Protein backbone atom coordinates (compact mmCIF):
# COMPACT_ATOMS: atom_id res chain seq x y z
CA MET A 1 53.39 -37.22 12.82
CA ASN A 2 52.29 -36.09 9.38
CA TYR A 3 51.79 -32.31 9.08
CA PHE A 4 51.07 -32.14 5.35
CA PRO A 5 47.26 -32.08 5.58
CA THR A 6 47.39 -29.23 8.09
CA SER A 7 49.92 -27.24 6.08
CA ARG A 8 47.90 -27.72 2.90
CA SER A 9 44.73 -26.53 4.57
CA ASP A 10 46.56 -23.54 6.02
CA LEU A 11 48.01 -22.74 2.60
CA SER A 12 44.62 -22.96 0.91
CA THR A 13 43.09 -20.77 3.63
CA LYS A 14 45.79 -18.14 3.13
CA ASN A 15 45.30 -18.26 -0.61
CA ASP A 16 41.54 -17.84 -0.17
CA LEU A 17 42.09 -14.85 2.11
CA LYS A 18 44.53 -13.28 -0.34
CA ALA A 19 42.11 -13.84 -3.22
CA GLN A 20 39.26 -12.39 -1.20
CA GLN A 21 41.28 -9.33 -0.19
CA GLY A 22 42.49 -8.94 -3.75
CA GLY A 23 38.90 -8.94 -5.01
CA GLN A 24 37.92 -6.37 -2.39
CA VAL A 25 40.84 -4.12 -3.36
CA ASP A 26 39.90 -4.37 -7.05
CA LYS A 27 36.32 -3.33 -6.24
CA LEU A 28 37.68 -0.56 -4.02
CA ILE A 29 39.83 0.81 -6.84
CA ASP A 30 36.89 0.73 -9.28
CA ILE A 31 34.67 2.60 -6.81
CA PHE A 32 37.36 5.18 -6.02
CA CYS A 33 38.15 5.89 -9.68
CA ASP A 34 34.51 6.51 -10.52
CA VAL A 35 33.85 8.60 -7.39
CA ASP A 36 37.06 10.60 -7.84
CA ASP A 37 36.20 11.47 -11.45
CA PHE A 38 32.80 12.67 -10.28
CA CYS A 39 34.23 14.76 -7.41
CA HIS A 40 36.72 16.54 -9.69
CA LYS A 41 33.79 17.81 -11.76
CA PHE A 42 31.15 18.34 -9.06
CA LEU A 43 32.98 19.83 -6.07
CA PRO A 44 34.31 23.01 -7.77
CA VAL A 45 30.86 23.79 -9.19
CA TRP A 46 29.13 23.08 -5.87
CA GLU A 47 31.55 25.17 -3.80
CA ALA A 48 31.17 28.09 -6.20
CA GLU A 49 27.39 28.07 -5.67
CA LEU A 50 27.53 28.06 -1.85
CA ILE A 51 26.11 31.14 -0.13
CA ALA A 52 28.35 32.73 2.52
CA ASP A 53 26.94 34.23 5.73
CA GLY A 54 29.51 37.05 5.83
CA VAL A 55 31.56 35.55 8.66
CA LYS A 56 35.10 34.52 7.82
CA LYS A 57 35.78 30.97 8.87
CA ARG A 58 38.97 28.99 8.92
CA ARG A 59 38.81 26.22 6.35
CA ARG A 60 41.67 23.80 6.79
CA GLN A 61 42.24 21.34 3.98
CA SER A 62 41.55 17.80 5.19
CA LYS A 63 44.22 15.15 4.79
CA MET A 64 41.68 12.79 3.23
CA SER A 65 39.88 13.85 0.08
CA THR A 66 36.11 13.75 -0.29
CA SER A 67 36.37 10.97 -2.86
CA GLU A 68 38.37 8.80 -0.42
CA CYS A 69 35.79 9.29 2.33
CA MET A 70 32.91 8.53 -0.01
CA THR A 71 34.68 5.37 -1.17
CA ILE A 72 35.02 4.09 2.39
CA VAL A 73 31.37 4.81 3.21
CA ILE A 74 30.15 3.06 0.04
CA ALA A 75 32.46 0.09 0.70
CA PHE A 76 30.95 -0.29 4.17
CA HIS A 77 27.48 -0.75 2.71
CA GLN A 78 28.84 -3.38 0.32
CA SER A 79 30.56 -5.32 3.11
CA ASN A 80 29.06 -7.76 5.59
CA HIS A 81 29.83 -5.62 8.66
CA ARG A 82 26.89 -4.77 10.86
CA ASP A 83 28.24 -1.48 12.25
CA PHE A 84 30.57 1.17 10.87
CA LYS A 85 32.91 1.31 13.88
CA ASN A 86 34.01 -2.32 13.60
CA PHE A 87 34.32 -1.91 9.83
CA TYR A 88 36.53 1.17 10.10
CA ILE A 89 38.73 0.04 12.99
CA GLY A 90 38.84 -3.68 12.22
CA LEU A 91 39.18 -3.58 8.43
CA VAL A 92 40.04 -0.14 7.05
CA GLN A 93 42.67 0.84 9.63
CA LYS A 94 44.25 -2.63 9.68
CA TYR A 95 44.27 -3.74 6.04
CA TRP A 96 43.52 -0.69 3.86
CA ARG A 97 46.06 1.77 5.26
CA GLU A 98 48.27 1.35 2.19
CA ASP A 99 45.33 2.28 -0.03
CA PHE A 100 44.52 5.32 2.15
CA PRO A 101 47.89 6.73 3.32
CA ASN A 102 46.29 9.78 4.95
CA LEU A 103 43.70 7.79 6.86
CA LEU A 104 41.95 9.71 9.64
CA SER A 105 41.16 8.45 13.11
CA TYR A 106 37.69 7.00 13.66
CA THR A 107 36.37 10.01 15.60
CA ARG A 108 37.80 12.50 13.08
CA PHE A 109 36.27 10.56 10.20
CA LEU A 110 32.85 10.71 11.88
CA HIS A 111 33.08 14.53 12.00
CA LYS A 112 33.87 14.64 8.29
CA MET A 113 31.01 12.33 7.28
CA SER A 114 28.37 15.06 7.64
CA ALA A 115 29.94 16.90 4.69
CA LEU A 116 29.41 13.89 2.41
CA LEU A 117 25.62 14.10 2.20
CA VAL A 118 25.32 16.55 -0.70
CA PRO A 119 28.09 14.96 -2.83
CA MET A 120 26.59 11.51 -2.20
CA CYS A 121 23.12 12.64 -3.28
CA ALA A 122 24.59 14.21 -6.42
CA TYR A 123 26.62 11.08 -7.14
CA PHE A 124 23.44 8.98 -6.98
CA GLN A 125 22.14 10.92 -9.98
CA THR A 126 25.05 9.57 -12.04
CA VAL A 127 24.67 5.90 -11.05
CA LYS A 128 20.88 5.51 -11.06
CA GLY A 129 19.13 3.55 -13.80
CA LYS A 130 17.17 4.74 -16.80
CA PRO A 131 13.53 4.01 -17.79
CA THR A 132 13.05 0.93 -19.97
CA GLY A 133 9.28 1.15 -20.51
CA ILE A 134 8.60 -1.31 -17.66
CA ALA A 135 8.70 -0.03 -14.08
CA PHE A 136 7.71 -1.23 -10.61
CA VAL A 137 6.94 0.89 -7.55
CA ASP A 138 6.76 0.02 -3.87
CA SER A 139 7.55 1.45 -0.45
CA THR A 140 9.37 0.09 2.58
CA SER A 141 9.51 1.30 6.15
CA LEU A 142 12.61 2.90 7.69
CA LYS A 143 12.24 2.48 11.44
CA VAL A 144 14.35 4.81 13.58
CA CYS A 145 13.63 3.17 16.94
CA HIS A 146 11.61 0.42 18.59
CA ASN A 147 7.97 1.22 19.28
CA ILE A 148 8.60 1.03 23.02
CA ARG A 149 11.14 3.89 22.79
CA ILE A 150 9.01 6.25 20.69
CA PRO A 151 8.24 8.68 23.60
CA ARG A 152 11.97 8.89 24.45
CA ASN A 153 13.22 9.51 20.91
CA ARG A 154 14.63 13.04 20.57
CA VAL A 155 16.68 12.80 17.37
CA PHE A 156 13.64 12.67 15.06
CA ASP A 157 11.12 14.38 17.31
CA GLY A 158 8.64 16.22 15.09
CA VAL A 159 10.10 14.76 11.89
CA ALA A 160 9.43 11.01 12.02
CA LYS A 161 5.84 9.81 12.14
CA ARG A 162 3.99 6.66 13.06
CA GLY A 163 2.90 4.57 10.12
CA LYS A 164 1.51 1.15 9.41
CA GLY A 165 2.88 -1.39 6.96
CA THR A 166 2.49 -5.08 6.25
CA MET A 167 4.52 -5.87 9.40
CA GLY A 168 2.43 -3.64 11.67
CA TRP A 169 2.95 -0.21 13.20
CA PHE A 170 6.34 1.51 13.11
CA TYR A 171 7.90 4.89 13.89
CA GLY A 172 10.08 6.53 11.26
CA PHE A 173 9.96 7.12 7.53
CA LYS A 174 9.00 5.49 4.24
CA LEU A 175 11.31 4.88 1.31
CA HIS A 176 9.46 4.96 -2.01
CA LEU A 177 11.34 3.24 -4.84
CA LEU A 178 10.79 3.20 -8.58
CA ILE A 179 12.80 0.56 -10.47
CA ASN A 180 12.99 -0.82 -14.02
CA HIS A 181 12.78 -4.50 -15.00
CA VAL A 182 16.57 -5.01 -14.84
CA GLY A 183 16.70 -4.09 -11.15
CA GLU A 184 18.02 -0.53 -11.49
CA ILE A 185 16.66 2.22 -9.24
CA ILE A 186 15.20 5.03 -11.38
CA SER A 187 14.05 7.41 -8.65
CA LEU A 188 13.29 7.48 -4.93
CA LYS A 189 11.70 9.62 -2.27
CA ILE A 190 11.78 9.56 1.55
CA THR A 191 8.62 10.65 3.36
CA PRO A 192 7.31 10.51 6.95
CA GLY A 193 5.90 7.15 7.99
CA ASN A 194 2.25 8.27 7.82
CA THR A 195 2.40 9.33 4.15
CA ASN A 196 0.01 7.60 1.78
CA ASP A 197 1.84 5.45 -0.78
CA ARG A 198 0.04 7.18 -3.68
CA THR A 199 1.11 10.72 -2.72
CA PRO A 200 4.72 10.77 -4.06
CA ILE A 201 3.97 8.76 -7.24
CA PRO A 202 3.47 11.73 -9.64
CA GLU A 203 6.82 13.21 -8.59
CA LEU A 204 8.58 9.86 -8.93
CA CYS A 205 7.19 9.39 -12.45
CA LYS A 206 8.22 12.78 -13.88
CA ASN A 207 10.56 11.33 -16.51
CA LEU A 208 8.79 8.00 -16.87
CA CYS A 209 6.72 6.56 -19.70
CA GLY A 210 5.28 3.13 -20.37
CA LYS A 211 3.93 0.58 -17.90
CA LEU A 212 4.02 1.04 -14.12
CA TYR A 213 3.16 -2.03 -12.02
CA ALA A 214 2.08 -1.70 -8.39
CA ASP A 215 0.17 -3.53 -5.67
CA LYS A 216 -3.34 -2.89 -4.38
CA GLY A 217 -2.20 -0.01 -2.19
CA TYR A 218 -1.80 2.19 -5.28
CA ILE A 219 -5.31 1.74 -6.64
CA GLY A 220 -6.87 5.13 -7.31
CA LYS A 221 -8.86 6.62 -10.17
CA LYS A 222 -7.40 10.13 -9.78
CA LEU A 223 -3.85 8.77 -9.70
CA SER A 224 -4.40 6.67 -12.83
CA GLU A 225 -5.86 9.64 -14.71
CA LYS A 226 -3.01 11.93 -13.65
CA LEU A 227 -0.36 9.41 -14.74
CA SER A 228 -2.09 8.77 -18.05
CA GLU A 229 -1.60 12.45 -18.91
CA THR A 230 2.16 11.82 -18.92
CA ASP A 231 1.90 8.55 -20.91
CA VAL A 232 2.25 6.31 -17.85
CA ASP A 233 -0.11 3.34 -17.67
CA LEU A 234 -0.65 2.28 -14.04
CA VAL A 235 -1.39 -1.44 -13.79
CA THR A 236 -2.56 -2.95 -10.50
CA THR A 237 -4.48 -5.94 -9.30
CA VAL A 238 -8.01 -5.56 -7.92
CA ARG A 239 -9.31 -5.92 -4.40
CA LYS A 240 -11.74 -8.65 -3.39
CA ASN A 241 -14.70 -6.24 -3.30
CA MET A 242 -13.95 -4.89 -6.81
CA LYS A 243 -15.06 -6.16 -10.17
CA ALA A 244 -12.54 -8.03 -12.28
CA LYS A 245 -11.04 -5.95 -15.09
CA ALA A 246 -9.69 -6.97 -18.46
CA MET A 247 -5.93 -7.36 -18.49
CA SER A 248 -3.46 -8.46 -21.14
CA VAL A 249 -1.38 -11.60 -20.73
CA PHE A 250 1.81 -9.51 -20.56
CA ASP A 251 0.44 -7.28 -17.76
CA ARG A 252 -0.71 -10.31 -15.78
CA ALA A 253 2.74 -11.88 -16.15
CA MET A 254 4.50 -8.69 -15.04
CA LEU A 255 2.27 -8.36 -11.98
CA SER A 256 3.25 -11.89 -10.98
CA LYS A 257 6.93 -10.81 -11.16
CA ARG A 258 6.47 -7.82 -8.90
CA TYR A 259 8.55 -9.65 -6.31
CA ILE A 260 11.63 -8.10 -7.94
CA ILE A 261 11.14 -4.81 -6.10
CA GLU A 262 10.49 -6.63 -2.84
CA THR A 263 13.78 -8.46 -3.36
CA ILE A 264 15.55 -5.13 -3.85
CA ASN A 265 13.98 -3.75 -0.67
CA ASP A 266 15.20 -6.83 1.17
CA GLN A 267 18.75 -6.36 -0.14
CA LEU A 268 18.74 -2.69 0.83
CA ASN A 269 17.70 -3.57 4.38
CA ASN A 270 19.81 -6.68 4.98
CA ILE A 271 22.91 -6.13 2.81
CA SER A 272 23.18 -2.36 2.37
CA GLN A 273 21.69 -1.85 5.85
CA ILE A 274 19.84 1.38 5.15
CA GLU A 275 17.78 0.86 8.31
CA HIS A 276 19.08 0.86 11.88
CA SER A 277 18.21 2.52 15.21
CA ARG A 278 21.58 4.08 16.14
CA HIS A 279 21.24 7.43 14.40
CA ARG A 280 22.39 10.51 16.30
CA SER A 281 21.34 13.13 13.74
CA GLU A 282 19.05 13.59 10.76
CA THR A 283 22.09 14.12 8.53
CA GLY A 284 23.52 10.77 9.61
CA PHE A 285 20.22 9.10 8.82
CA MET A 286 20.04 10.57 5.32
CA LEU A 287 23.69 9.75 4.59
CA ASN A 288 23.20 6.16 5.70
CA VAL A 289 20.19 5.70 3.43
CA ILE A 290 21.63 7.32 0.30
CA SER A 291 25.02 5.61 0.75
CA GLY A 292 23.33 2.22 0.99
CA ILE A 293 21.33 2.93 -2.15
CA VAL A 294 24.47 4.05 -4.02
CA ALA A 295 26.23 0.87 -2.90
CA TYR A 296 23.36 -1.15 -4.36
CA CYS A 297 23.46 0.82 -7.64
CA LEU A 298 27.17 -0.03 -8.03
CA LYS A 299 26.53 -3.76 -7.69
CA LYS A 300 27.16 -5.64 -10.92
CA GLN A 301 24.63 -8.41 -10.24
CA LYS A 302 21.13 -7.18 -9.50
CA PRO A 303 17.74 -8.91 -9.44
CA ARG A 304 16.26 -8.69 -12.92
CA ILE A 305 13.49 -9.99 -15.16
CA LYS A 306 14.80 -11.61 -18.32
CA LEU A 307 12.77 -10.55 -21.33
CA LEU A 308 13.37 -11.17 -25.00
CA THR A 309 13.14 -8.32 -27.48
CA SER A 310 10.08 -9.94 -29.05
CA GLU A 311 8.31 -9.95 -25.68
CA PHE A 312 8.34 -6.18 -25.52
CA GLY A 313 5.91 -6.21 -28.45
CA LEU A 314 3.32 -7.82 -26.20
CA MET A 315 3.11 -4.60 -24.18
CA VAL A 316 0.94 -2.99 -26.82
CA ALA A 317 -0.80 -6.18 -27.92
């Protein structure tokens, strides 16, 4: 009986697994180096600014550093695992123990995760994108439970609200995103589910200038006038009961490419998994969302609109 075909297939499978694990380790090292450099600068400044309540508390130094924990959380949102427990027990504890020699148990790691929220939010400020003169804005729902279980939800009681999106009614929050044309997130804001999409726009556009493209939900004369004061030109389509307005060829083309921000929302929900219904605290919810967004920001390949340098001249034409 000839065993060569089987052995060759086994060998190729092993080589593929080694190559895949090697690529994951390389990405892990890159993430850790960047996060660790940030933590060395941020943590001493942050701890010096903390306000004490006058009660002496025992502060034992954890075996795992903050940068190691942040790396694991970010890596989870870049993986294909659907839940953190299987990721930590099935992958980290089995295959990454050499990379994390002081690895904590799963339950101990969960207790430490609550302390990662502030460093993760600060780290996002270093990896977010910069304005390019072309920006897109949109919102997506963050459901915290099924509509049937709304009366029984206690974790977000009084915080989450009922809202309505393109997919119907939901209970939870809204994530408002502002991106540039190369797929980088410039700014974001999380609001209750019943917040009007136009409300957080002035705050999101504080450091923005140029063109801002949005859908019909952002139509508003007061909003357009307020943004124009800060050199932001809001460009939207018109509703069926409105008169057609003059629009440049470039603006019409950019409105047709507004799918880029919808693609990013889809990646945040299905790859980074910023939305799920297993939260046990508000801190866990916020950490899950910001960690997923940071994981997206660290991706090398993002959805983008390819524009030539000469095409930017059409913005003012």
